[in-house]
Amino acid sequence: MKIEQLYTGCLAHGAYYIESNGAAAIIDPLRDVAAYISRAQQDNAVIKYVLETHFHADFVSGHLDLAAATGANIVYGPGAAPAFPAYIATDGEILTLGNIKIKVLHTPGHTMESSCFLLIDESGKETALFSGDTLFIGDVGRPDLAQQASGKTREELAGILFDSLRNKVMPLPPEITVYPAHGAGSACGKMISGQRTDTLGGQLRTNYALQTDMSREEFIKAVTDGLTPPPAYFPLNVQMNKQGYENVDDVITRGTQPLLPDAFEAVANETGAVILDTRGPEVFVDGFIPGAVNIGLDGNFAPWAGTLIPGGQQPILFIADPGREQEVVTRLARIGFDHTLGYLKGGFEAWRAAGRTIDDIVTITPAALAERQSWIPLQLLDVRRRNEFSSEHIAGAVNIPLDYINDYIGKLDKHQLYYVHCAGGYRSVIFISIMRMRGYHNFVDVQGGMKALKDSGLFQLSDYFTPSAT
């Protein structure tokens, strides 16, 4: 028997490969399925099942393409009603995989169809729990994402989750290993640990939501307090996972069309496409196409693209470092952004060489900022999340989280000069690029972000508080 976690850091997502005696199962695969097929081929194994813990909101699953490529059966737990052929298992049903068994545990609460898969090894011992978004390491799935689909309030869903955990998960053997669908950074929970697996016993000791002395009312309050609005792309992903989607190979072929500057500009004008520059922020600030939005590929690219680019139907043209074009389209497709129309052939340098107009962003070092602040009042904007700002910030800074940038359009003074920082420089450049696209040109990026400001020792800091879950 083999169990492998196939982790994707950008989405903080864990898919799983299980193999026994030539039969394999993939749990919660991403949309680009070649890696799963290749992994099974290494073992000369046949993929028998694609096991889905629920209809995911934070990514488009690869269940349809993987089943089409391998003949595997797509399996959901009770209550799922997909618009495509799938096997809907009953609560407690046993699936055979080689010499092992997988028991379906219906655990509604995060969503009503949410289920966990309990692995029973060759000797009949309960060994591992693939918990999806029902149970994370240090947290549980947020109960507010399925309100509309279920016709229930988040408090009602939280109560159902309480019952699922107490009746189905917590009584399992404490030595079993818990394999969740997400790690730290996922928006499907609010305080997920950086630890990617643990024993159930470890979680019974440390997970705030699994404490045996917690009442139902206390649990509901704990898991619903401090929930921020989910990213805007989540409903799109649920719909695609439930209704179906275009083959990812077709999406990639269409999205990786090379366009010379003239054609790139013409397509942008004809379609109103967002121009997405995926180079690193440190390069972007020195020169970019006017109106381009920077979301660097080497950060949390897909979640920020899904959060900040309106609607999955929005056409996108992009600039990338040479050789990374397919990566851009693939990572956008993972969150259901299937309308990428092509990329700038030759990258930004081709635009510059063609004599086209370029833009740039003014930057400043912490030392230069401190010197300037010593003789004139400055307005410092901190675009980190609210919990980061509350934990510690520069005295006098104003918090405008990047997540909520749209709430501040029209509220900032176009005649006021603002100095912008985040934690390290990634989000501040995103923020400034969006504001410039919308006609605000009065922003200066603080190099190195909060880390550099703090390390300089030149600025007064607020009192430090341990970061909260929100």
Protein backbone atom coordinates (compact mmCIF):
# COMPACT_ATOMS: atom_id res chain seq x y z
CA MET A 1 0.00 0.00 0.00
CA LYS A 2 1.21 3.50 -0.86
CA ILE A 3 -0.11 6.88 0.25
CA GLU A 4 1.36 10.07 -1.21
CA GLN A 5 0.34 13.66 -0.63
CA LEU A 6 0.69 15.73 -3.82
CA TYR A 7 0.83 19.27 -2.48
CA THR A 8 0.43 22.50 -4.47
CA GLY A 9 1.69 25.46 -2.46
CA CYS A 10 0.02 28.23 -4.47
CA LEU A 11 -3.41 26.87 -3.55
CA ALA A 12 -2.31 25.30 -0.25
CA HIS A 13 -3.94 22.17 -1.62
CA GLY A 14 -3.27 18.51 -0.95
CA ALA A 15 -4.38 15.86 -3.43
CA TYR A 16 -3.68 12.21 -2.60
CA TYR A 17 -2.47 9.14 -4.45
CA ILE A 18 -3.30 5.75 -2.96
CA GLU A 19 -2.16 2.47 -4.51
CA SER A 20 -2.63 -1.16 -3.55
CA ASN A 21 -1.89 -4.23 -5.64
CA GLY A 22 -2.03 -2.39 -8.96
CA ALA A 23 -5.17 -0.37 -8.23
CA ALA A 24 -5.01 3.36 -7.50
CA ALA A 25 -7.29 6.13 -6.29
CA ILE A 26 -6.80 9.87 -6.56
CA ILE A 27 -8.47 12.08 -3.97
CA ASP A 28 -9.39 15.70 -4.81
CA PRO A 29 -7.17 16.10 -7.92
CA LEU A 30 -6.32 19.42 -9.48
CA ARG A 31 -7.41 20.14 -13.04
CA ASP A 32 -4.06 19.45 -14.70
CA VAL A 33 -4.13 15.68 -14.35
CA ALA A 34 -0.98 14.52 -16.15
CA ALA A 35 0.97 14.20 -12.89
CA TYR A 36 -1.56 11.75 -11.46
CA ILE A 37 -1.59 9.62 -14.57
CA SER A 38 2.21 9.59 -14.63
CA ARG A 39 2.37 8.61 -10.96
CA ALA A 40 0.09 5.63 -11.52
CA GLN A 41 2.12 4.57 -14.56
CA GLN A 42 5.25 4.44 -12.39
CA ASP A 43 3.56 1.69 -10.37
CA ASN A 44 1.96 0.04 -13.40
CA ALA A 45 -1.29 0.79 -11.61
CA VAL A 46 -4.75 1.46 -12.97
CA ILE A 47 -6.62 4.44 -11.54
CA LYS A 48 -9.89 2.93 -10.38
CA TYR A 49 -11.43 5.81 -8.45
CA VAL A 50 -11.44 9.59 -8.43
CA LEU A 51 -12.68 10.33 -4.91
CA GLU A 52 -14.16 13.78 -4.33
CA THR A 53 -14.67 14.92 -0.76
CA HIS A 54 -17.11 17.67 -1.86
CA PHE A 55 -17.74 20.29 -4.53
CA HIS A 56 -14.66 22.44 -4.07
CA ALA A 57 -14.86 26.23 -4.02
CA ASP A 58 -11.21 27.23 -4.15
CA PHE A 59 -10.14 25.31 -7.24
CA VAL A 60 -11.56 23.46 -10.24
CA SER A 61 -11.08 19.76 -9.68
CA GLY A 62 -9.64 17.41 -12.28
CA HIS A 63 -12.27 14.72 -11.77
CA LEU A 64 -13.80 14.95 -15.26
CA ASP A 65 -10.57 15.02 -17.25
CA LEU A 66 -8.98 12.31 -15.10
CA ALA A 67 -11.98 10.03 -15.44
CA ALA A 68 -12.10 10.63 -19.19
CA ALA A 69 -8.40 9.83 -19.57
CA THR A 70 -8.33 6.71 -17.38
CA GLY A 71 -11.85 5.29 -17.22
CA ALA A 72 -11.89 5.77 -13.45
CA ASN A 73 -15.16 6.13 -11.58
CA ILE A 74 -15.89 9.52 -10.00
CA VAL A 75 -17.17 9.01 -6.46
CA TYR A 76 -18.97 11.46 -4.18
CA GLY A 77 -20.59 10.98 -0.83
CA PRO A 78 -24.32 11.20 -0.06
CA GLY A 79 -26.21 14.28 -1.16
CA ALA A 80 -24.07 15.16 -4.16
CA ALA A 81 -25.98 15.78 -7.37
CA PRO A 82 -23.47 16.46 -10.15
CA ALA A 83 -24.59 17.14 -13.71
CA PHE A 84 -22.36 14.35 -15.05
CA PRO A 85 -22.12 10.59 -14.46
CA ALA A 86 -20.72 9.79 -11.01
CA TYR A 87 -21.17 7.16 -8.34
CA ILE A 88 -22.92 8.53 -5.24
CA ALA A 89 -21.86 6.37 -2.33
CA THR A 90 -23.95 5.74 0.76
CA ASP A 91 -22.81 6.61 4.26
CA GLY A 92 -20.65 3.79 5.57
CA GLU A 93 -20.22 2.14 2.17
CA ILE A 94 -17.00 0.22 1.61
CA LEU A 95 -15.01 0.63 -1.62
CA THR A 96 -12.39 -2.00 -2.47
CA LEU A 97 -9.00 -0.88 -3.81
CA GLY A 98 -6.57 -3.74 -4.37
CA ASN A 99 -5.97 -5.29 -0.96
CA ILE A 100 -7.32 -2.35 1.03
CA LYS A 101 -10.72 -0.83 1.67
CA ILE A 102 -11.98 2.74 1.77
CA LYS A 103 -15.00 3.54 3.91
CA VAL A 104 -17.16 6.54 3.02
CA LEU A 105 -18.09 8.72 6.01
CA HIS A 106 -20.71 11.37 5.29
CA THR A 107 -19.62 14.44 7.28
CA PRO A 108 -21.80 17.41 6.24
CA GLY A 109 -21.26 20.90 7.59
CA HIS A 110 -18.62 22.54 5.43
CA THR A 111 -20.97 21.60 2.59
CA MET A 112 -23.92 19.25 2.77
CA GLU A 113 -22.30 16.61 0.54
CA SER A 114 -18.93 16.75 2.34
CA SER A 115 -17.53 13.31 3.07
CA CYS A 116 -14.34 11.84 4.46
CA PHE A 117 -12.65 8.67 3.23
CA LEU A 118 -11.39 6.24 5.88
CA LEU A 119 -8.62 3.91 4.71
CA ILE A 120 -8.62 0.37 6.10
CA ASP A 121 -5.34 -1.44 5.44
CA GLU A 122 -4.65 -5.04 4.41
CA SER A 123 -4.93 -6.27 7.99
CA GLY A 124 -8.29 -4.60 8.53
CA LYS A 125 -6.87 -1.74 10.62
CA GLU A 126 -8.27 1.78 10.25
CA THR A 127 -5.13 3.65 9.18
CA ALA A 128 -5.81 7.03 7.60
CA LEU A 129 -8.57 9.59 7.23
CA PHE A 130 -8.75 11.74 4.11
CA SER A 131 -10.75 14.52 5.68
CA GLY A 132 -11.26 16.96 2.78
CA ASP A 133 -12.42 20.29 4.15
CA THR A 134 -14.24 18.77 7.12
CA LEU A 135 -11.13 18.67 9.30
CA PHE A 136 -7.89 20.55 8.79
CA ILE A 137 -4.78 20.50 10.91
CA GLY A 138 -5.59 23.06 13.59
CA ASP A 139 -8.98 24.00 12.18
CA VAL A 140 -12.20 22.84 10.54
CA GLY A 141 -13.86 23.85 7.29
CA ARG A 142 -15.64 27.19 7.30
CA PRO A 143 -19.42 26.72 7.42
CA ASP A 144 -20.45 29.74 5.37
CA LEU A 145 -19.65 28.65 1.81
CA ALA A 146 -22.68 26.44 1.19
CA GLN A 147 -25.38 28.67 2.63
CA GLN A 148 -27.09 29.43 -0.67
CA ALA A 149 -26.86 25.88 -2.03
CA SER A 150 -28.14 24.33 1.19
CA GLY A 151 -30.72 26.93 2.14
CA LYS A 152 -29.21 27.01 5.63
CA THR A 153 -27.52 29.69 7.68
CA ARG A 154 -23.86 29.45 8.54
CA GLU A 155 -24.86 28.79 12.15
CA GLU A 156 -27.04 25.86 11.07
CA LEU A 157 -24.20 24.47 8.96
CA ALA A 158 -21.79 24.91 11.86
CA GLY A 159 -24.14 22.90 14.06
CA ILE A 160 -24.28 20.15 11.46
CA LEU A 161 -20.47 20.17 11.29
CA PHE A 162 -20.34 19.84 15.09
CA ASP A 163 -22.44 16.68 14.85
CA SER A 164 -20.35 15.26 12.01
CA LEU A 165 -17.11 15.73 13.90
CA ARG A 166 -18.45 14.37 17.19
CA ASN A 167 -20.28 11.40 15.69
CA LYS A 168 -18.11 10.38 12.75
CA VAL A 169 -14.56 11.67 13.18
CA MET A 170 -13.66 12.05 16.87
CA PRO A 171 -14.59 8.43 17.81
CA LEU A 172 -12.07 7.03 15.29
CA PRO A 173 -8.81 5.52 16.59
CA PRO A 174 -6.52 8.33 17.79
CA GLU A 175 -3.49 6.83 16.04
CA ILE A 176 -4.90 7.22 12.52
CA THR A 177 -3.25 9.81 10.29
CA VAL A 178 -5.35 12.78 9.17
CA TYR A 179 -4.74 13.89 5.59
CA PRO A 180 -6.65 17.17 4.92
CA ALA A 181 -7.35 18.83 1.59
CA HIS A 182 -5.63 22.10 2.55
CA GLY A 183 -2.81 23.59 4.56
CA ALA A 184 -1.96 27.03 5.86
CA GLY A 185 -2.94 29.84 3.51
CA SER A 186 -6.15 28.32 2.21
CA ALA A 187 -9.25 30.49 2.41
CA CYS A 188 -11.34 27.39 3.21
CA GLY A 189 -10.40 27.76 6.89
CA LYS A 190 -9.41 30.68 9.06
CA MET A 191 -6.50 29.36 11.15
CA ILE A 192 -5.14 26.26 9.44
CA SER A 193 -1.79 25.05 10.75
CA GLY A 194 1.36 24.97 8.67
CA GLN A 195 1.59 21.28 9.55
CA ARG A 196 0.25 19.23 6.64
CA THR A 197 -0.67 16.00 8.45
CA ASP A 198 -1.14 14.84 12.03
CA THR A 199 -2.62 11.98 14.01
CA LEU A 200 -6.22 12.30 15.07
CA GLY A 201 -4.99 12.09 18.64
CA GLY A 202 -2.76 15.09 18.04
CA GLN A 203 -5.74 17.04 16.77
CA LEU A 204 -7.91 15.99 19.68
CA ARG A 205 -5.29 17.57 21.94
CA THR A 206 -4.58 20.76 19.99
CA ASN A 207 -7.40 21.62 17.56
CA TYR A 208 -9.68 24.24 19.15
CA ALA A 209 -12.73 22.79 17.38
CA LEU A 210 -12.26 19.22 18.67
CA GLN A 211 -12.18 19.93 22.40
CA THR A 212 -14.49 17.49 24.15
CA ASP A 213 -15.64 20.03 26.75
CA MET A 214 -16.90 22.42 24.06
CA SER A 215 -20.67 22.73 23.82
CA ARG A 216 -22.52 22.88 20.52
CA GLU A 217 -23.19 26.61 21.04
CA GLU A 218 -19.54 27.28 21.89
CA PHE A 219 -18.44 25.42 18.75
CA ILE A 220 -20.84 27.38 16.53
CA LYS A 221 -19.56 30.66 17.93
CA ALA A 222 -15.91 29.64 17.62
CA VAL A 223 -16.09 28.54 13.98
CA THR A 224 -18.25 31.45 12.77
CA ASP A 225 -16.50 34.29 14.61
CA GLY A 226 -14.16 36.36 12.46
CA LEU A 227 -15.05 34.86 9.09
CA THR A 228 -14.16 37.26 6.30
CA PRO A 229 -16.02 37.22 2.96
CA PRO A 230 -14.80 34.36 0.75
CA PRO A 231 -12.86 35.19 -2.42
CA ALA A 232 -15.03 36.28 -5.32
CA TYR A 233 -14.14 33.32 -7.53
CA PHE A 234 -15.42 30.64 -5.13
CA PRO A 235 -19.00 30.42 -6.53
CA LEU A 236 -17.64 30.03 -10.06
CA ASN A 237 -15.49 27.08 -9.01
CA VAL A 238 -18.37 25.35 -7.21
CA GLN A 239 -20.52 25.72 -10.32
CA MET A 240 -17.82 24.32 -12.61
CA ASN A 241 -17.10 21.40 -10.29
CA LYS A 242 -20.79 20.53 -10.16
CA GLN A 243 -21.84 21.29 -13.75
CA GLY A 244 -18.68 20.46 -15.72
CA TYR A 245 -16.09 22.39 -17.68
CA GLU A 246 -13.99 22.55 -20.83
CA ASN A 247 -11.07 20.17 -21.24
CA VAL A 248 -7.99 21.80 -19.73
CA ASP A 249 -5.80 20.95 -22.73
CA ASP A 250 -8.06 23.05 -24.94
CA VAL A 251 -7.90 25.92 -22.45
CA ILE A 252 -4.10 25.76 -22.41
CA THR A 253 -3.83 25.60 -26.21
CA ARG A 254 -6.01 28.66 -26.63
CA GLY A 255 -4.34 30.58 -23.83
CA THR A 256 -0.77 30.07 -24.98
CA GLN A 257 -1.11 31.78 -28.34
CA PRO A 258 1.98 34.01 -28.90
CA LEU A 259 1.10 37.56 -29.94
CA LEU A 260 3.53 40.19 -31.21
CA PRO A 261 3.03 43.73 -29.80
CA ASP A 262 0.72 44.90 -32.61
CA ALA A 263 -1.53 41.85 -32.32
CA PHE A 264 -1.38 41.93 -28.52
CA GLU A 265 -2.58 45.52 -28.47
CA ALA A 266 -5.25 44.85 -31.07
CA VAL A 267 -6.71 41.92 -29.13
CA ALA A 268 -6.66 43.97 -25.94
CA ASN A 269 -8.58 46.78 -27.62
CA GLU A 270 -11.08 44.45 -29.30
CA THR A 271 -11.89 42.34 -26.25
CA GLY A 272 -11.31 44.66 -23.29
CA ALA A 273 -9.02 42.00 -21.85
CA VAL A 274 -7.25 42.49 -18.55
CA ILE A 275 -3.51 42.77 -19.16
CA LEU A 276 -1.90 40.60 -16.49
CA ASP A 277 1.85 40.94 -15.93
CA THR A 278 3.10 37.88 -14.08
CA ARG A 279 6.74 38.93 -13.67
CA GLY A 280 8.18 39.51 -10.23
CA PRO A 281 7.25 42.84 -8.58
CA GLU A 282 10.88 43.91 -8.34
CA VAL A 283 11.10 43.74 -12.15
CA PHE A 284 7.63 45.08 -12.86
CA VAL A 285 8.20 48.40 -11.06
CA ASP A 286 11.03 49.29 -13.46
CA GLY A 287 8.81 49.13 -16.54
CA PHE A 288 5.48 47.73 -17.69
CA ILE A 289 2.67 48.17 -20.20
CA PRO A 290 0.41 51.04 -19.10
CA GLY A 291 -2.74 49.63 -17.51
CA ALA A 292 -1.19 46.23 -16.74
CA VAL A 293 -1.90 44.58 -13.38
CA ASN A 294 1.00 42.84 -11.69
CA ILE A 295 0.38 39.53 -9.92
CA GLY A 296 3.71 37.75 -9.72
CA LEU A 297 3.75 34.09 -10.65
CA ASP A 298 6.12 33.27 -7.79
CA GLY A 299 3.67 34.36 -5.08
CA ASN A 300 0.11 33.23 -4.29
CA PHE A 301 -0.69 33.87 -7.92
CA ALA A 302 -3.93 32.00 -8.54
CA PRO A 303 -5.76 33.00 -5.32
CA TRP A 304 -4.90 36.68 -5.83
CA ALA A 305 -5.88 36.55 -9.49
CA GLY A 306 -9.20 34.98 -8.53
CA THR A 307 -9.76 37.54 -5.81
CA LEU A 308 -8.85 40.65 -7.79
CA ILE A 309 -9.82 39.99 -11.42
CA PRO A 310 -13.59 40.32 -11.72
CA GLY A 311 -15.50 37.32 -13.01
CA GLY A 312 -14.27 34.09 -14.54
CA GLN A 313 -15.52 35.16 -17.97
CA GLN A 314 -13.10 38.09 -18.16
CA PRO A 315 -10.69 37.81 -21.15
CA ILE A 316 -7.05 37.90 -20.09
CA LEU A 317 -3.84 38.67 -21.97
CA PHE A 318 -0.60 38.21 -20.13
CA ILE A 319 3.11 38.90 -19.95
CA ALA A 320 5.39 36.20 -18.55
CA ASP A 321 9.03 35.34 -18.17
CA PRO A 322 10.09 33.23 -21.19
CA GLY A 323 9.26 29.56 -20.76
CA ARG A 324 6.57 30.09 -18.13
CA GLU A 325 3.62 30.79 -20.42
CA GLN A 326 1.95 27.41 -20.00
CA GLU A 327 2.37 27.64 -16.23
CA VAL A 328 0.43 30.91 -16.20
CA VAL A 329 -2.51 29.49 -18.17
CA THR A 330 -2.54 26.26 -16.17
CA ARG A 331 -2.63 28.04 -12.84
CA LEU A 332 -5.41 30.36 -14.01
CA ALA A 333 -7.38 27.35 -15.27
CA ARG A 334 -7.11 25.75 -11.84
CA ILE A 335 -9.39 28.48 -10.51
CA GLY A 336 -11.74 28.46 -13.50
CA PHE A 337 -10.26 31.39 -15.41
CA ASP A 338 -10.52 29.76 -18.82
CA HIS A 339 -10.59 32.84 -21.05
CA THR A 340 -6.90 33.56 -21.46
CA LEU A 341 -6.39 34.67 -25.05
CA GLY A 342 -2.62 34.68 -25.43
CA TYR A 343 0.66 36.17 -24.27
CA LEU A 344 3.08 38.84 -25.43
CA LYS A 345 5.67 37.07 -27.56
CA GLY A 346 9.15 38.09 -26.45
CA GLY A 347 7.81 39.41 -23.16
CA PHE A 348 7.99 42.98 -21.98
CA GLU A 349 11.30 43.51 -23.76
CA ALA A 350 9.53 43.01 -27.09
CA TRP A 351 7.11 45.78 -26.11
CA ARG A 352 9.96 48.08 -25.17
CA ALA A 353 11.93 47.25 -28.34
CA ALA A 354 8.87 48.11 -30.43
CA GLY A 355 9.05 51.64 -29.06
CA ARG A 356 5.74 51.38 -27.22
CA THR A 357 4.77 53.58 -24.29
CA ILE A 358 5.82 52.17 -20.93
CA ASP A 359 5.02 53.01 -17.34
CA ASP A 360 6.87 52.51 -14.06
CA ILE A 361 6.34 52.74 -10.30
CA VAL A 362 8.36 54.98 -8.02
CA THR A 363 9.94 53.12 -5.11
CA ILE A 364 11.66 54.24 -1.91
CA THR A 365 13.89 52.55 0.64
CA PRO A 366 12.96 52.55 4.33
CA ALA A 367 15.97 54.78 5.08
CA ALA A 368 14.91 57.35 2.49
CA LEU A 369 11.34 57.16 3.75
CA ALA A 370 12.46 57.81 7.33
CA GLU A 371 14.54 60.78 6.23
CA ARG A 372 11.64 62.25 4.29
CA GLN A 373 9.28 61.63 7.20
CA SER A 374 11.59 63.58 9.51
CA TRP A 375 10.80 66.87 7.78
CA ILE A 376 7.30 66.39 6.33
CA PRO A 377 4.24 64.36 7.41
CA LEU A 378 3.74 61.31 5.21
CA GLN A 379 0.72 59.05 4.62
CA LEU A 380 1.68 55.37 4.93
CA LEU A 381 -0.74 52.71 3.63
CA ASP A 382 -0.39 49.15 4.89
CA VAL A 383 -2.12 46.73 2.49
CA ARG A 384 -1.63 43.57 4.55
CA ARG A 385 -4.60 41.67 5.93
CA ARG A 386 -6.35 43.02 8.97
CA ASN A 387 -4.96 40.39 11.33
CA GLU A 388 -1.42 41.15 10.18
CA PHE A 389 -1.95 44.86 10.72
CA SER A 390 -3.54 44.34 14.13
CA SER A 391 -0.64 42.15 15.18
CA GLU A 392 1.96 44.83 14.51
CA HIS A 393 2.26 47.89 12.29
CA ILE A 394 4.08 51.16 11.81
CA ALA A 395 2.67 53.89 14.04
CA GLY A 396 0.38 56.17 12.03
CA ALA A 397 -0.10 53.75 9.12
CA VAL A 398 -3.57 53.24 7.68
CA ASN A 399 -4.72 49.71 6.86
CA ILE A 400 -6.32 49.11 3.44
CA PRO A 401 -6.17 45.33 2.89
CA LEU A 402 -5.51 44.36 -0.70
CA ASP A 403 -8.48 41.97 -0.47
CA TYR A 404 -10.79 44.98 -0.08
CA ILE A 405 -9.20 47.33 -2.59
CA ASN A 406 -12.50 47.82 -4.43
CA ASP A 407 -14.07 49.27 -1.29
CA TYR A 408 -11.60 52.14 -1.39
CA ILE A 409 -11.82 53.15 -5.02
CA GLY A 410 -13.07 56.72 -5.00
CA LYS A 411 -12.30 57.20 -1.32
CA LEU A 412 -8.58 57.94 -1.70
CA ASP A 413 -7.44 61.45 -2.58
CA LYS A 414 -5.86 61.61 -6.04
CA HIS A 415 -3.92 64.68 -4.89
CA GLN A 416 -2.46 63.03 -1.75
CA LEU A 417 0.86 61.19 -2.06
CA TYR A 418 0.70 57.73 -0.45
CA TYR A 419 3.55 55.40 0.53
CA VAL A 420 2.45 51.78 0.27
CA HIS A 421 3.81 48.63 1.86
CA CYS A 422 2.79 45.04 2.59
CA ALA A 423 4.83 42.30 4.28
CA GLY A 424 7.60 42.00 1.71
CA GLY A 425 6.70 43.84 -1.50
CA TYR A 426 4.47 41.40 -3.40
CA ARG A 427 1.02 42.76 -2.48
CA SER A 428 1.97 46.43 -2.42
CA VAL A 429 2.94 46.33 -6.10
CA ILE A 430 -0.31 44.53 -6.94
CA PHE A 431 -2.18 47.27 -5.08
CA ILE A 432 -0.38 50.11 -6.83
CA SER A 433 -0.72 48.53 -10.28
CA ILE A 434 -4.50 48.21 -9.84
CA MET A 435 -4.78 51.78 -8.60
CA ARG A 436 -2.74 53.06 -11.56
CA MET A 437 -4.99 51.15 -13.95
CA ARG A 438 -7.89 53.06 -12.38
CA GLY A 439 -6.29 56.45 -12.74
CA TYR A 440 -4.47 56.88 -9.42
CA HIS A 441 -0.82 57.78 -9.96
CA ASN A 442 0.09 59.08 -6.52
CA PHE A 443 1.56 55.97 -4.91
CA VAL A 444 5.14 55.12 -3.97
CA ASP A 445 6.15 51.54 -3.18
CA VAL A 446 8.20 50.97 -0.01
CA GLN A 447 10.92 48.47 -0.88
CA GLY A 448 10.99 45.33 1.24
CA GLY A 449 7.68 45.99 2.99
CA MET A 450 7.05 45.64 6.70
CA LYS A 451 10.06 43.39 7.22
CA ALA A 452 12.45 45.99 5.84
CA LEU A 453 10.72 48.82 7.73
CA LYS A 454 10.96 46.91 11.00
CA ASP A 455 14.54 45.73 10.42
CA SER A 456 15.67 49.29 9.73
CA GLY A 457 14.90 50.30 13.31
CA LEU A 458 13.89 53.74 12.06
CA PHE A 459 10.16 53.57 12.69
CA GLN A 460 7.96 53.45 15.75
CA LEU A 461 5.97 50.22 15.97
CA SER A 462 2.64 49.47 17.57
CA ASP A 463 2.48 47.02 20.46
CA TYR A 464 2.75 43.42 19.27
CA PHE A 465 -0.20 41.07 19.52
CA THR A 466 -0.31 37.42 18.51
CA PRO A 467 -2.03 37.24 15.10
CA SER A 468 -5.68 36.28 15.25
CA ALA A 469 -7.63 34.05 12.89
CA THR A 470 -9.23 36.94 10.96
